[in-house]
Amino acid sequence: MARVTVEDCLDNVDNRFELVMLASKRARQIATGGRDPLVEDASDKATVIALREIAEGLITPEVLARESEIEAEEELAASFETPVL
């Protein structure tokens, strides 16, 4: 696939700083196996996959924030299910 440029990503993110934060969080999700890639990975590294997802508009700050909220709720629910001895 063609290279991903910062300019491609900035069409979907406000500034470079937000892009770095968004890409790093998403790459961490992909690398740790927490979430599957939304684009064909073609043996790319997690950071490249994250940037491709952002460039294609599949991952935005709002989407990632919503995913984080869901993960936090799932962790909280799991903590109530664990019996305390």
Foldseek 3Di string as FASTA:
>chain_A
DDAQDVVLLCVQAPDPVVVVVQLVVQLVCCVVVVDPQPDDCPPPRSSRSSSVCSSVVNDHPVVVVVVVVVVVVVVVVVVVVDDDD
